[in-house]
Amino acid sequence: MTAAAAAVVQDAGAKLLGWPGAVESIQDLLTQQFRQPDVPHPVLQWLRADAQFLAAWSDAQRRSPLTLVVWGVAP
């Protein structure tokens, strides 16, 4: 809840100061610093890429025996 409120305040502050907001930053990330054409839905594409990364990361963590040991020992 606090992180969501902070994101809203940060985006509003950027707009008040005339700075680029979150969508422009995501567009910059997805177009490799504006070397490629703009993507139609940057936030949706970023969320998909994030979900793919988290799926691959969690799969790698499950396959790591050290991670399983740490999870078993952790309180």
PDB file of N, CA and C in Angstrom:
ATOM      1  N   MET A   1       0.827  -1.187   0.000  1.00  0.00           N
ATOM      2  CA  MET A   1       0.000   0.000   0.000  1.00  0.00           C
ATOM      3  C   MET A   1       0.869   1.247   0.000  1.00  0.00           C
ATOM      4  N   THR A   2       1.889   1.257   0.845  1.00  0.00           N
ATOM      5  CA  THR A   2       2.775   2.407   0.924  1.00  0.00           C
ATOM      6  C   THR A   2       3.564   2.583  -0.368  1.00  0.00           C
ATOM      7  N   ALA A   3       4.007   1.480  -0.955  1.00  0.00           N
ATOM      8  CA  ALA A   3       4.759   1.566  -2.203  1.00  0.00           C
ATOM      9  C   ALA A   3       3.890   2.108  -3.338  1.00  0.00           C
ATOM     10  N   ALA A   4       2.630   1.701  -3.375  1.00  0.00           N
ATOM     11  CA  ALA A   4       1.727   2.200  -4.406  1.00  0.00           C
ATOM     12  C   ALA A   4       1.486   3.697  -4.237  1.00  0.00           C
ATOM     13  N   ALA A   5       1.319   4.135  -3.001  1.00  0.00           N
ATOM     14  CA  ALA A   5       1.130   5.566  -2.745  1.00  0.00           C
ATOM     15  C   ALA A   5       2.385   6.348  -3.117  1.00  0.00           C
ATOM     16  N   ALA A   6       3.547   5.797  -2.813  1.00  0.00           N
ATOM     17  CA  ALA A   6       4.800   6.461  -3.167  1.00  0.00           C
ATOM     18  C   ALA A   6       4.955   6.569  -4.681  1.00  0.00           C
ATOM     19  N   ALA A   7       4.540   5.545  -5.413  1.00  0.00           N
ATOM     20  CA  ALA A   7       4.623   5.582  -6.871  1.00  0.00           C
ATOM     21  C   ALA A   7       3.719   6.666  -7.445  1.00  0.00           C
ATOM     22  N   VAL A   8       2.532   6.795  -6.883  1.00  0.00           N
ATOM     23  CA  VAL A   8       1.602   7.829  -7.356  1.00  0.00           C
ATOM     24  C   VAL A   8       2.163   9.215  -7.065  1.00  0.00           C
ATOM     25  N   VAL A   9       2.688   9.408  -5.865  1.00  0.00           N
ATOM     26  CA  VAL A   9       3.264  10.704  -5.500  1.00  0.00           C
ATOM     27  C   VAL A   9       4.474  11.023  -6.375  1.00  0.00           C
ATOM     28  N   GLN A  10       5.295  10.031  -6.637  1.00  0.00           N
ATOM     29  CA  GLN A  10       6.477  10.240  -7.470  1.00  0.00           C
ATOM     30  C   GLN A  10       6.084  10.631  -8.894  1.00  0.00           C
ATOM     31  N   ASP A  11       5.102   9.947  -9.457  1.00  0.00           N
ATOM     32  CA  ASP A  11       4.666  10.261 -10.818  1.00  0.00           C
ATOM     33  C   ASP A  11       4.025  11.649 -10.868  1.00  0.00           C
ATOM     34  N   ALA A  12       3.224  11.991  -9.858  1.00  0.00           N
ATOM     35  CA  ALA A  12       2.612  13.319  -9.815  1.00  0.00           C
ATOM     36  C   ALA A  12       3.673  14.403  -9.656  1.00  0.00           C
ATOM     37  N   GLY A  13       4.660  14.154  -8.828  1.00  0.00           N
ATOM     38  CA  GLY A  13       5.748  15.118  -8.658  1.00  0.00           C
ATOM     39  C   GLY A  13       6.529  15.332  -9.938  1.00  0.00           C
ATOM     40  N   ALA A  14       6.767  14.260 -10.676  1.00  0.00           N
ATOM     41  CA  ALA A  14       7.476  14.376 -11.953  1.00  0.00           C
ATOM     42  C   ALA A  14       6.675  15.223 -12.938  1.00  0.00           C
ATOM     43  N   LYS A  15       5.359  15.022 -12.976  1.00  0.00           N
ATOM     44  CA  LYS A  15       4.523  15.815 -13.879  1.00  0.00           C
ATOM     45  C   LYS A  15       4.518  17.286 -13.484  1.00  0.00           C
ATOM     46  N   LEU A  16       4.471  17.564 -12.186  1.00  0.00           N
ATOM     47  CA  LEU A  16       4.490  18.953 -11.719  1.00  0.00           C
ATOM     48  C   LEU A  16       5.797  19.653 -12.075  1.00  0.00           C
ATOM     49  N   LEU A  17       6.894  18.909 -12.038  1.00  0.00           N
ATOM     50  CA  LEU A  17       8.197  19.481 -12.352  1.00  0.00           C
ATOM     51  C   LEU A  17       8.524  19.452 -13.841  1.00  0.00           C
ATOM     52  N   GLY A  18       7.658  18.838 -14.638  1.00  0.00           N
ATOM     53  CA  GLY A  18       7.893  18.749 -16.078  1.00  0.00           C
ATOM     54  C   GLY A  18       8.892  17.673 -16.465  1.00  0.00           C
ATOM     55  N   TRP A  19       9.133  16.743 -15.569  1.00  0.00           N
ATOM     56  CA  TRP A  19      10.054  15.648 -15.842  1.00  0.00           C
ATOM     57  C   TRP A  19       9.313  14.498 -16.505  1.00  0.00           C
ATOM     58  N   PRO A  20      10.030  13.604 -17.177  1.00  0.00           N
ATOM     59  CA  PRO A  20       9.368  12.426 -17.741  1.00  0.00           C
ATOM     60  C   PRO A  20       8.834  11.527 -16.628  1.00  0.00           C
ATOM     61  N   GLY A  21       7.687  10.937 -16.871  1.00  0.00           N
ATOM     62  CA  GLY A  21       7.063  10.079 -15.876  1.00  0.00           C
ATOM     63  C   GLY A  21       7.430   8.622 -16.060  1.00  0.00           C
ATOM     64  N   ALA A  22       6.673   7.766 -15.388  1.00  0.00           N
ATOM     65  CA  ALA A  22       6.955   6.329 -15.409  1.00  0.00           C
ATOM     66  C   ALA A  22       6.786   5.730 -16.803  1.00  0.00           C
ATOM     67  N   VAL A  23       5.747   6.149 -17.518  1.00  0.00           N
ATOM     68  CA  VAL A  23       5.503   5.577 -18.849  1.00  0.00           C
ATOM     69  C   VAL A  23       6.647   5.923 -19.800  1.00  0.00           C
ATOM     70  N   GLU A  24       7.144   7.145 -19.728  1.00  0.00           N
ATOM     71  CA  GLU A  24       8.271   7.528 -20.580  1.00  0.00           C
ATOM     72  C   GLU A  24       9.527   6.740 -20.220  1.00  0.00           C
ATOM     73  N   SER A  25       9.723   6.500 -18.938  1.00  0.00           N
ATOM     74  CA  SER A  25      10.888   5.724 -18.510  1.00  0.00           C
ATOM     75  C   SER A  25      10.793   4.280 -18.984  1.00  0.00           C
ATOM     76  N   ILE A  26       9.595   3.704 -18.904  1.00  0.00           N
ATOM     77  CA  ILE A  26       9.407   2.333 -19.384  1.00  0.00           C
ATOM     78  C   ILE A  26       9.576   2.274 -20.896  1.00  0.00           C
ATOM     79  N   GLN A  27       9.049   3.273 -21.597  1.00  0.00           N
ATOM     80  CA  GLN A  27       9.209   3.344 -23.055  1.00  0.00           C
ATOM     81  C   GLN A  27      10.699   3.415 -23.406  1.00  0.00           C
ATOM     82  N   ASP A  28      11.449   4.195 -22.664  1.00  0.00           N
ATOM     83  CA  ASP A  28      12.887   4.318 -22.861  1.00  0.00           C
ATOM     84  C   ASP A  28      13.561   2.964 -22.676  1.00  0.00           C
ATOM     85  N   LEU A  29      13.163   2.238 -21.649  1.00  0.00           N
ATOM     86  CA  LEU A  29      13.730   0.925 -21.372  1.00  0.00           C
ATOM     87  C   LEU A  29      13.407  -0.068 -22.489  1.00  0.00           C
ATOM     88  N   LEU A  30      12.155  -0.091 -22.930  1.00  0.00           N
ATOM     89  CA  LEU A  30      11.724  -1.092 -23.911  1.00  0.00           C
ATOM     90  C   LEU A  30      12.202  -0.792 -25.331  1.00  0.00           C
ATOM     91  N   THR A  31      12.526   0.448 -25.625  1.00  0.00           N
ATOM     92  CA  THR A  31      12.982   0.788 -26.975  1.00  0.00           C
ATOM     93  C   THR A  31      14.494   0.962 -27.019  1.00  0.00           C
ATOM     94  N   GLN A  32      15.177   0.463 -26.015  1.00  0.00           N
ATOM     95  CA  GLN A  32      16.639   0.543 -25.909  1.00  0.00           C
ATOM     96  C   GLN A  32      17.088   1.987 -26.081  1.00  0.00           C
ATOM     97  N   GLN A  33      16.602   2.819 -25.182  1.00  0.00           N
ATOM     98  CA  GLN A  33      16.914   4.244 -25.136  1.00  0.00           C
ATOM     99  C   GLN A  33      16.530   4.942 -26.444  1.00  0.00           C
ATOM    100  N   PHE A  34      15.323   4.655 -26.891  1.00  0.00           N
ATOM    101  CA  PHE A  34      14.693   5.297 -28.046  1.00  0.00           C
ATOM    102  C   PHE A  34      15.420   5.038 -29.364  1.00  0.00           C
ATOM    103  N   ARG A  35      16.107   3.905 -29.468  1.00  0.00           N
ATOM    104  CA  ARG A  35      16.741   3.519 -30.732  1.00  0.00           C
ATOM    105  C   ARG A  35      15.767   2.783 -31.634  1.00  0.00           C
ATOM    106  N   GLN A  36      14.690   2.259 -31.055  1.00  0.00           N
ATOM    107  CA  GLN A  36      13.666   1.538 -31.806  1.00  0.00           C
ATOM    108  C   GLN A  36      12.363   2.313 -31.706  1.00  0.00           C
ATOM    109  N   PRO A  37      11.390   1.987 -32.557  1.00  0.00           N
ATOM    110  CA  PRO A  37      10.101   2.686 -32.476  1.00  0.00           C
ATOM    111  C   PRO A  37       9.398   2.432 -31.139  1.00  0.00           C
ATOM    112  N   ASP A  38       8.537   3.361 -30.763  1.00  0.00           N
ATOM    113  CA  ASP A  38       7.780   3.221 -29.521  1.00  0.00           C
ATOM    114  C   ASP A  38       6.927   1.967 -29.551  1.00  0.00           C
ATOM    115  N   VAL A  39       6.761   1.354 -28.398  1.00  0.00           N
ATOM    116  CA  VAL A  39       5.888   0.193 -28.269  1.00  0.00           C
ATOM    117  C   VAL A  39       4.487   0.689 -27.926  1.00  0.00           C
ATOM    118  N   PRO A  40       3.443  -0.007 -28.386  1.00  0.00           N
ATOM    119  CA  PRO A  40       2.080   0.508 -28.201  1.00  0.00           C
ATOM    120  C   PRO A  40       1.617   0.555 -26.748  1.00  0.00           C
ATOM    121  N   HIS A  41       1.938  -0.434 -25.947  1.00  0.00           N
ATOM    122  CA  HIS A  41       1.489  -0.490 -24.550  1.00  0.00           C
ATOM    123  C   HIS A  41       2.703  -0.781 -23.673  1.00  0.00           C
ATOM    124  N   PRO A  42       3.486   0.236 -23.314  1.00  0.00           N
ATOM    125  CA  PRO A  42       4.749  -0.032 -22.617  1.00  0.00           C
ATOM    126  C   PRO A  42       4.580  -0.656 -21.240  1.00  0.00           C
ATOM    127  N   VAL A  43       3.576  -0.250 -20.491  1.00  0.00           N
ATOM    128  CA  VAL A  43       3.418  -0.799 -19.137  1.00  0.00           C
ATOM    129  C   VAL A  43       3.047  -2.275 -19.202  1.00  0.00           C
ATOM    130  N   LEU A  44       2.126  -2.628 -20.097  1.00  0.00           N
ATOM    131  CA  LEU A  44       1.721  -4.026 -20.247  1.00  0.00           C
ATOM    132  C   LEU A  44       2.895  -4.888 -20.701  1.00  0.00           C
ATOM    133  N   GLN A  45       3.685  -4.390 -21.637  1.00  0.00           N
ATOM    134  CA  GLN A  45       4.831  -5.157 -22.121  1.00  0.00           C
ATOM    135  C   GLN A  45       5.877  -5.303 -21.021  1.00  0.00           C
ATOM    136  N   TRP A  46       6.069  -4.267 -20.212  1.00  0.00           N
ATOM    137  CA  TRP A  46       7.013  -4.333 -19.106  1.00  0.00           C
ATOM    138  C   TRP A  46       6.554  -5.351 -18.063  1.00  0.00           C
ATOM    139  N   LEU A  47       5.261  -5.371 -17.772  1.00  0.00           N
ATOM    140  CA  LEU A  47       4.739  -6.340 -16.805  1.00  0.00           C
ATOM    141  C   LEU A  47       4.889  -7.766 -17.313  1.00  0.00           C
ATOM    142  N   ARG A  48       4.690  -7.974 -18.615  1.00  0.00           N
ATOM    143  CA  ARG A  48       4.893  -9.316 -19.188  1.00  0.00           C
ATOM    144  C   ARG A  48       6.354  -9.745 -19.071  1.00  0.00           C
ATOM    145  N   ALA A  49       7.271  -8.824 -19.396  1.00  0.00           N
ATOM    146  CA  ALA A  49       8.697  -9.147 -19.291  1.00  0.00           C
ATOM    147  C   ALA A  49       9.069  -9.438 -17.846  1.00  0.00           C
ATOM    148  N   ASP A  50       8.499  -8.688 -16.916  1.00  0.00           N
ATOM    149  CA  ASP A  50       8.757  -8.912 -15.499  1.00  0.00           C
ATOM    150  C   ASP A  50       8.241 -10.275 -15.058  1.00  0.00           C
ATOM    151  N   ALA A  51       7.061 -10.649 -15.515  1.00  0.00           N
ATOM    152  CA  ALA A  51       6.489 -11.951 -15.167  1.00  0.00           C
ATOM    153  C   ALA A  51       7.342 -13.088 -15.731  1.00  0.00           C
ATOM    154  N   GLN A  52       7.838 -12.924 -16.964  1.00  0.00           N
ATOM    155  CA  GLN A  52       8.697 -13.949 -17.548  1.00  0.00           C
ATOM    156  C   GLN A  52       9.994 -14.086 -16.764  1.00  0.00           C
ATOM    157  N   PHE A  53      10.549 -12.943 -16.354  1.00  0.00           N
ATOM    158  CA  PHE A  53      11.780 -12.982 -15.568  1.00  0.00           C
ATOM    159  C   PHE A  53      11.547 -13.682 -14.232  1.00  0.00           C
ATOM    160  N   LEU A  54      10.457 -13.338 -13.548  1.00  0.00           N
ATOM    161  CA  LEU A  54      10.183 -13.948 -12.252  1.00  0.00           C
ATOM    162  C   LEU A  54       9.948 -15.449 -12.375  1.00  0.00           C
ATOM    163  N   ALA A  55       9.298 -15.875 -13.445  1.00  0.00           N
ATOM    164  CA  ALA A  55       9.088 -17.308 -13.658  1.00  0.00           C
ATOM    165  C   ALA A  55      10.418 -18.022 -13.873  1.00  0.00           C
ATOM    166  N   ALA A  56      11.285 -17.447 -14.691  1.00  0.00           N
ATOM    167  CA  ALA A  56      12.591 -18.059 -14.935  1.00  0.00           C
ATOM    168  C   ALA A  56      13.448 -18.039 -13.675  1.00  0.00           C
ATOM    169  N   TRP A  57      13.385 -16.940 -12.926  1.00  0.00           N
ATOM    170  CA  TRP A  57      14.170 -16.828 -11.695  1.00  0.00           C
ATOM    171  C   TRP A  57      13.709 -17.851 -10.654  1.00  0.00           C
ATOM    172  N   SER A  58      12.393 -17.974 -10.482  1.00  0.00           N
ATOM    173  CA  SER A  58      11.891 -18.923  -9.485  1.00  0.00           C
ATOM    174  C   SER A  58      12.207 -20.361  -9.892  1.00  0.00           C
ATOM    175  N   ASP A  59      12.175 -20.644 -11.192  1.00  0.00           N
ATOM    176  CA  ASP A  59      12.541 -21.976 -11.658  1.00  0.00           C
ATOM    177  C   ASP A  59      14.011 -22.259 -11.355  1.00  0.00           C
ATOM    178  N   ALA A  60      14.871 -21.282 -11.591  1.00  0.00           N
ATOM    179  CA  ALA A  60      16.297 -21.457 -11.300  1.00  0.00           C
ATOM    180  C   ALA A  60      16.524 -21.632  -9.796  1.00  0.00           C
ATOM    181  N   GLN A  61      15.766 -20.913  -8.986  1.00  0.00           N
ATOM    182  CA  GLN A  61      15.915 -21.041  -7.536  1.00  0.00           C
ATOM    183  C   GLN A  61      15.460 -22.412  -7.039  1.00  0.00           C
ATOM    184  N   ARG A  62      14.391 -22.939  -7.635  1.00  0.00           N
ATOM    185  CA  ARG A  62      13.920 -24.273  -7.233  1.00  0.00           C
ATOM    186  C   ARG A  62      14.934 -25.352  -7.578  1.00  0.00           C
ATOM    187  N   ARG A  63      15.670 -25.143  -8.645  1.00  0.00           N
ATOM    188  CA  ARG A  63      16.642 -26.147  -9.067  1.00  0.00           C
ATOM    189  C   ARG A  63      17.956 -26.056  -8.310  1.00  0.00           C
ATOM    190  N   SER A  64      18.126 -25.004  -7.573  1.00  0.00           N
ATOM    191  CA  SER A  64      19.373 -24.814  -6.840  1.00  0.00           C
ATOM    192  C   SER A  64      19.287 -25.510  -5.481  1.00  0.00           C
ATOM    193  N   PRO A  65      20.130 -26.469  -5.218  1.00  0.00           N
ATOM    194  CA  PRO A  65      20.059 -27.175  -3.938  1.00  0.00           C
ATOM    195  C   PRO A  65      20.383 -26.257  -2.752  1.00  0.00           C
ATOM    196  N   LEU A  66      21.269 -25.305  -2.942  1.00  0.00           N
ATOM    197  CA  LEU A  66      21.617 -24.408  -1.847  1.00  0.00           C
ATOM    198  C   LEU A  66      20.406 -23.574  -1.431  1.00  0.00           C
ATOM    199  N   THR A  67      19.634 -23.131  -2.373  1.00  0.00           N
ATOM    200  CA  THR A  67      18.433 -22.362  -2.049  1.00  0.00           C
ATOM    201  C   THR A  67      17.465 -23.200  -1.228  1.00  0.00           C
ATOM    202  N   LEU A  68      17.284 -24.453  -1.607  1.00  0.00           N
ATOM    203  CA  LEU A  68      16.386 -25.317  -0.859  1.00  0.00           C
ATOM    204  C   LEU A  68      16.877 -25.543   0.570  1.00  0.00           C
ATOM    205  N   VAL A  69      18.192 -25.673   0.746  1.00  0.00           N
ATOM    206  CA  VAL A  69      18.753 -25.852   2.078  1.00  0.00           C
ATOM    207  C   VAL A  69      18.503 -24.598   2.928  1.00  0.00           C
ATOM    208  N   VAL A  70      18.755 -23.440   2.350  1.00  0.00           N
ATOM    209  CA  VAL A  70      18.553 -22.180   3.084  1.00  0.00           C
ATOM    210  C   VAL A  70      17.089 -22.014   3.450  1.00  0.00           C
ATOM    211  N   TRP A  71      16.196 -22.327   2.533  1.00  0.00           N
ATOM    212  CA  TRP A  71      14.764 -22.223   2.837  1.00  0.00           C
ATOM    213  C   TRP A  71      14.380 -23.189   3.950  1.00  0.00           C
ATOM    214  N   GLY A  72      14.986 -24.369   3.971  1.00  0.00           N
ATOM    215  CA  GLY A  72      14.678 -25.340   5.007  1.00  0.00           C
ATOM    216  C   GLY A  72      15.214 -24.949   6.380  1.00  0.00           C
ATOM    217  N   VAL A  73      16.325 -24.243   6.417  1.00  0.00           N
ATOM    218  CA  VAL A  73      16.946 -23.858   7.667  1.00  0.00           C
ATOM    219  C   VAL A  73      16.359 -22.556   8.202  1.00  0.00           C
ATOM    220  N   ALA A  74      15.871 -21.713   7.319  1.00  0.00           N
ATOM    221  CA  ALA A  74      15.365 -20.403   7.737  1.00  0.00           C
ATOM    222  C   ALA A  74      14.139 -20.546   8.630  1.00  0.00           C
ATOM    223  N   PRO A  75      14.055 -19.708   9.649  1.00  0.00           N
ATOM    224  CA  PRO A  75      12.898 -19.804  10.573  1.00  0.00           C
ATOM    225  C   PRO A  75      11.624 -19.300   9.952  1.00  0.00           C
TER     226      PRO A  75
END
